[in-house]
Amino acid sequence: MRERTVLVVSCDPLNEDGRILVMDILDIEPPGRRGMVSVSLGEFGCGYGHLLGVAPSDRFVERLGVATAEQMTAVKSVLLTVLDLH
């Protein structure tokens, strides 16, 4: 089974259905245009707005932390840009 670090971006009521919307977190910042849709998550790495997916809740192993309000504001901005919702 492949392990990856993700940031949950869906709300709790939707998460209760067992399918969770996530943003992949990698340990390097993306180059070029992809850098415009990434967000620093401190010690955890960089969230990639163009790497969104759905993960079944039973595959989650460990909670590593909680994003700050400031980080989630940046995540919101990235998601609005990626999904062209501005």
N, C-alpha and C. Protein backbone atom coordinates (compact mmCIF):
# COMPACT_ATOMS: atom_id res chain seq x y z
N MET A 1 0.84 -1.17 0.00
CA MET A 1 0.00 0.00 0.00
C MET A 1 0.90 1.24 0.00
N ARG A 2 0.59 2.19 -0.85
CA ARG A 2 1.37 3.41 -0.97
C ARG A 2 1.02 4.39 0.16
N GLU A 3 2.05 4.93 0.79
CA GLU A 3 1.83 5.95 1.82
C GLU A 3 2.09 7.31 1.23
N ARG A 4 1.30 8.28 1.66
CA ARG A 4 1.52 9.66 1.24
C ARG A 4 1.01 10.58 2.34
N THR A 5 1.54 11.79 2.34
CA THR A 5 1.09 12.79 3.30
C THR A 5 0.13 13.71 2.57
N VAL A 6 -1.02 13.97 3.21
CA VAL A 6 -2.05 14.79 2.59
C VAL A 6 -2.62 15.78 3.60
N LEU A 7 -3.23 16.82 3.07
CA LEU A 7 -3.99 17.76 3.88
C LEU A 7 -5.46 17.55 3.53
N VAL A 8 -6.28 17.32 4.54
CA VAL A 8 -7.72 17.18 4.32
C VAL A 8 -8.29 18.56 4.02
N VAL A 9 -9.00 18.69 2.89
CA VAL A 9 -9.56 19.99 2.51
C VAL A 9 -11.08 19.96 2.45
N SER A 10 -11.70 18.82 2.70
CA SER A 10 -13.16 18.76 2.72
C SER A 10 -13.65 18.99 4.14
N CYS A 11 -14.92 19.34 4.25
CA CYS A 11 -15.49 19.64 5.56
C CYS A 11 -15.93 18.37 6.28
N ASP A 12 -16.02 18.44 7.59
CA ASP A 12 -16.34 17.28 8.42
C ASP A 12 -17.63 16.55 8.00
N PRO A 13 -18.73 17.27 7.72
CA PRO A 13 -19.95 16.54 7.32
C PRO A 13 -19.74 15.67 6.07
N LEU A 14 -18.96 16.15 5.12
CA LEU A 14 -18.68 15.35 3.92
C LEU A 14 -17.73 14.21 4.24
N ASN A 15 -16.80 14.43 5.15
CA ASN A 15 -15.84 13.39 5.53
C ASN A 15 -16.53 12.19 6.17
N GLU A 16 -17.66 12.41 6.79
CA GLU A 16 -18.38 11.33 7.47
C GLU A 16 -18.86 10.24 6.51
N ASP A 17 -18.91 10.56 5.22
CA ASP A 17 -19.31 9.57 4.21
C ASP A 17 -18.19 8.60 3.88
N GLY A 18 -16.99 8.85 4.43
CA GLY A 18 -15.88 7.93 4.24
C GLY A 18 -14.99 8.22 3.05
N ARG A 19 -15.32 9.24 2.27
CA ARG A 19 -14.49 9.64 1.13
C ARG A 19 -14.06 11.08 1.40
N ILE A 20 -12.76 11.30 1.50
CA ILE A 20 -12.24 12.58 1.97
C ILE A 20 -11.45 13.27 0.86
N LEU A 21 -11.77 14.53 0.60
CA LEU A 21 -11.04 15.31 -0.40
C LEU A 21 -9.72 15.77 0.21
N VAL A 22 -8.62 15.47 -0.48
CA VAL A 22 -7.30 15.77 0.05
C VAL A 22 -6.42 16.49 -0.96
N MET A 23 -5.44 17.21 -0.45
CA MET A 23 -4.39 17.86 -1.24
C MET A 23 -3.08 17.17 -0.86
N ASP A 24 -2.35 16.72 -1.87
CA ASP A 24 -1.06 16.07 -1.59
C ASP A 24 -0.05 17.07 -1.04
N ILE A 25 0.77 16.59 -0.12
CA ILE A 25 1.86 17.38 0.45
C ILE A 25 3.17 16.70 0.09
N LEU A 26 4.07 17.45 -0.53
CA LEU A 26 5.38 16.95 -0.89
C LEU A 26 6.44 17.77 -0.19
N ASP A 27 7.66 17.28 -0.19
CA ASP A 27 8.71 17.97 0.57
C ASP A 27 9.49 19.00 -0.24
N ILE A 28 9.09 19.25 -1.49
CA ILE A 28 9.75 20.28 -2.29
C ILE A 28 8.71 21.23 -2.87
N GLU A 29 9.11 22.48 -3.07
CA GLU A 29 8.21 23.44 -3.70
C GLU A 29 8.24 23.23 -5.20
N PRO A 30 7.08 23.28 -5.84
CA PRO A 30 7.05 23.07 -7.28
C PRO A 30 7.63 24.25 -8.04
N PRO A 31 8.28 23.98 -9.17
CA PRO A 31 8.84 25.07 -9.97
C PRO A 31 7.78 25.71 -10.87
N GLY A 32 8.12 26.87 -11.37
CA GLY A 32 7.30 27.53 -12.39
C GLY A 32 5.88 27.84 -11.97
N ARG A 33 4.98 27.67 -12.91
CA ARG A 33 3.57 28.00 -12.68
C ARG A 33 2.94 27.18 -11.57
N ARG A 34 3.42 25.97 -11.39
CA ARG A 34 2.84 25.15 -10.33
C ARG A 34 3.12 25.75 -8.95
N GLY A 35 4.16 26.54 -8.85
CA GLY A 35 4.45 27.22 -7.60
C GLY A 35 3.38 28.22 -7.23
N MET A 36 2.66 28.71 -8.23
CA MET A 36 1.57 29.67 -7.98
C MET A 36 0.37 29.00 -7.32
N VAL A 37 0.30 27.69 -7.41
CA VAL A 37 -0.83 26.98 -6.82
C VAL A 37 -0.35 25.99 -5.76
N SER A 38 0.64 26.42 -5.01
CA SER A 38 1.13 25.62 -3.89
C SER A 38 1.12 26.49 -2.64
N VAL A 39 1.18 25.83 -1.51
CA VAL A 39 1.14 26.55 -0.24
C VAL A 39 2.11 25.88 0.73
N SER A 40 2.89 26.70 1.42
CA SER A 40 3.82 26.17 2.41
C SER A 40 3.04 25.73 3.64
N LEU A 41 3.32 24.52 4.09
CA LEU A 41 2.69 23.99 5.30
C LEU A 41 3.75 23.72 6.36
N GLY A 42 4.74 24.61 6.39
CA GLY A 42 5.77 24.55 7.41
C GLY A 42 6.55 23.26 7.40
N GLU A 43 6.69 22.66 8.56
CA GLU A 43 7.51 21.45 8.71
C GLU A 43 6.97 20.26 7.92
N PHE A 44 5.71 20.32 7.49
CA PHE A 44 5.12 19.19 6.78
C PHE A 44 5.43 19.19 5.29
N GLY A 45 5.80 20.34 4.75
CA GLY A 45 6.13 20.41 3.33
C GLY A 45 5.29 21.44 2.61
N CYS A 46 4.99 21.13 1.36
CA CYS A 46 4.29 22.06 0.49
C CYS A 46 3.05 21.38 -0.08
N GLY A 47 1.89 22.01 0.12
CA GLY A 47 0.65 21.48 -0.43
C GLY A 47 0.53 21.87 -1.89
N TYR A 48 0.22 20.91 -2.73
CA TYR A 48 0.12 21.14 -4.17
C TYR A 48 -1.35 21.23 -4.57
N GLY A 49 -1.78 22.41 -4.97
CA GLY A 49 -3.17 22.61 -5.35
C GLY A 49 -3.58 21.86 -6.59
N HIS A 50 -2.63 21.49 -7.41
CA HIS A 50 -2.97 20.74 -8.62
C HIS A 50 -2.95 19.23 -8.38
N LEU A 51 -2.66 18.82 -7.15
CA LEU A 51 -2.68 17.40 -6.79
C LEU A 51 -3.79 17.15 -5.77
N LEU A 52 -5.03 17.20 -6.24
CA LEU A 52 -6.18 16.96 -5.39
C LEU A 52 -6.71 15.56 -5.67
N GLY A 53 -7.27 14.95 -4.66
CA GLY A 53 -7.82 13.62 -4.85
C GLY A 53 -8.78 13.26 -3.74
N VAL A 54 -9.30 12.07 -3.84
CA VAL A 54 -10.21 11.55 -2.83
C VAL A 54 -9.56 10.33 -2.21
N ALA A 55 -9.59 10.27 -0.89
CA ALA A 55 -9.00 9.14 -0.16
C ALA A 55 -10.06 8.52 0.74
N PRO A 56 -10.14 7.20 0.76
CA PRO A 56 -11.07 6.55 1.69
C PRO A 56 -10.58 6.72 3.13
N SER A 57 -11.50 7.05 4.01
CA SER A 57 -11.12 7.34 5.39
C SER A 57 -10.45 6.17 6.10
N ASP A 58 -10.74 4.95 5.69
CA ASP A 58 -10.13 3.81 6.37
C ASP A 58 -8.65 3.63 6.03
N ARG A 59 -8.13 4.42 5.10
CA ARG A 59 -6.71 4.33 4.74
C ARG A 59 -5.85 5.32 5.53
N PHE A 60 -6.49 6.20 6.31
CA PHE A 60 -5.74 7.17 7.09
C PHE A 60 -5.09 6.46 8.27
N VAL A 61 -3.80 6.71 8.47
CA VAL A 61 -3.05 6.02 9.50
C VAL A 61 -2.82 6.90 10.72
N GLU A 62 -2.42 8.14 10.49
CA GLU A 62 -1.98 8.98 11.60
C GLU A 62 -2.23 10.44 11.29
N ARG A 63 -2.68 11.19 12.28
CA ARG A 63 -2.83 12.63 12.14
C ARG A 63 -1.52 13.26 12.56
N LEU A 64 -0.89 13.98 11.64
CA LEU A 64 0.42 14.57 11.91
C LEU A 64 0.32 15.94 12.55
N GLY A 65 -0.79 16.62 12.34
CA GLY A 65 -0.94 17.95 12.89
C GLY A 65 -2.18 18.62 12.34
N VAL A 66 -2.30 19.90 12.65
CA VAL A 66 -3.43 20.70 12.18
C VAL A 66 -2.87 21.96 11.56
N ALA A 67 -3.35 22.29 10.37
CA ALA A 67 -2.91 23.52 9.70
C ALA A 67 -3.41 24.73 10.47
N THR A 68 -2.63 25.79 10.46
CA THR A 68 -3.02 27.03 11.13
C THR A 68 -4.10 27.73 10.30
N ALA A 69 -4.76 28.69 10.93
CA ALA A 69 -5.77 29.48 10.22
C ALA A 69 -5.13 30.21 9.04
N GLU A 70 -3.92 30.71 9.23
CA GLU A 70 -3.21 31.41 8.16
C GLU A 70 -2.92 30.45 6.99
N GLN A 71 -2.47 29.25 7.30
CA GLN A 71 -2.19 28.27 6.25
C GLN A 71 -3.48 27.90 5.50
N MET A 72 -4.57 27.74 6.23
CA MET A 72 -5.83 27.38 5.57
C MET A 72 -6.37 28.52 4.71
N THR A 73 -6.09 29.76 5.08
CA THR A 73 -6.46 30.89 4.23
C THR A 73 -5.69 30.81 2.92
N ALA A 74 -4.41 30.45 3.00
CA ALA A 74 -3.60 30.28 1.79
C ALA A 74 -4.10 29.10 0.97
N VAL A 75 -4.49 28.01 1.63
CA VAL A 75 -5.04 26.84 0.93
C VAL A 75 -6.32 27.24 0.20
N LYS A 76 -7.17 28.01 0.86
CA LYS A 76 -8.42 28.47 0.24
C LYS A 76 -8.12 29.26 -1.03
N SER A 77 -7.16 30.15 -0.96
CA SER A 77 -6.78 30.95 -2.13
C SER A 77 -6.28 30.06 -3.27
N VAL A 78 -5.46 29.06 -2.94
CA VAL A 78 -4.95 28.13 -3.94
C VAL A 78 -6.09 27.35 -4.58
N LEU A 79 -7.02 26.85 -3.76
CA LEU A 79 -8.15 26.09 -4.31
C LEU A 79 -9.04 26.95 -5.20
N LEU A 80 -9.26 28.18 -4.81
CA LEU A 80 -10.06 29.08 -5.64
C LEU A 80 -9.38 29.31 -7.00
N THR A 81 -8.06 29.42 -6.99
CA THR A 81 -7.31 29.62 -8.22
C THR A 81 -7.35 28.38 -9.09
N VAL A 82 -7.05 27.22 -8.50
CA VAL A 82 -7.02 25.97 -9.26
C VAL A 82 -8.37 25.66 -9.86
N LEU A 83 -9.43 25.91 -9.13
CA LEU A 83 -10.77 25.59 -9.60
C LEU A 83 -11.42 26.74 -10.36
N ASP A 84 -10.66 27.83 -10.56
CA ASP A 84 -11.12 29.01 -11.30
C ASP A 84 -12.44 29.56 -10.74
N LEU A 85 -12.47 29.72 -9.43
CA LEU A 85 -13.68 30.20 -8.75
C LEU A 85 -13.58 31.65 -8.29
N HIS A 86 -12.59 32.37 -8.77
CA HIS A 86 -12.44 33.80 -8.38
C HIS A 86 -13.49 34.64 -9.04
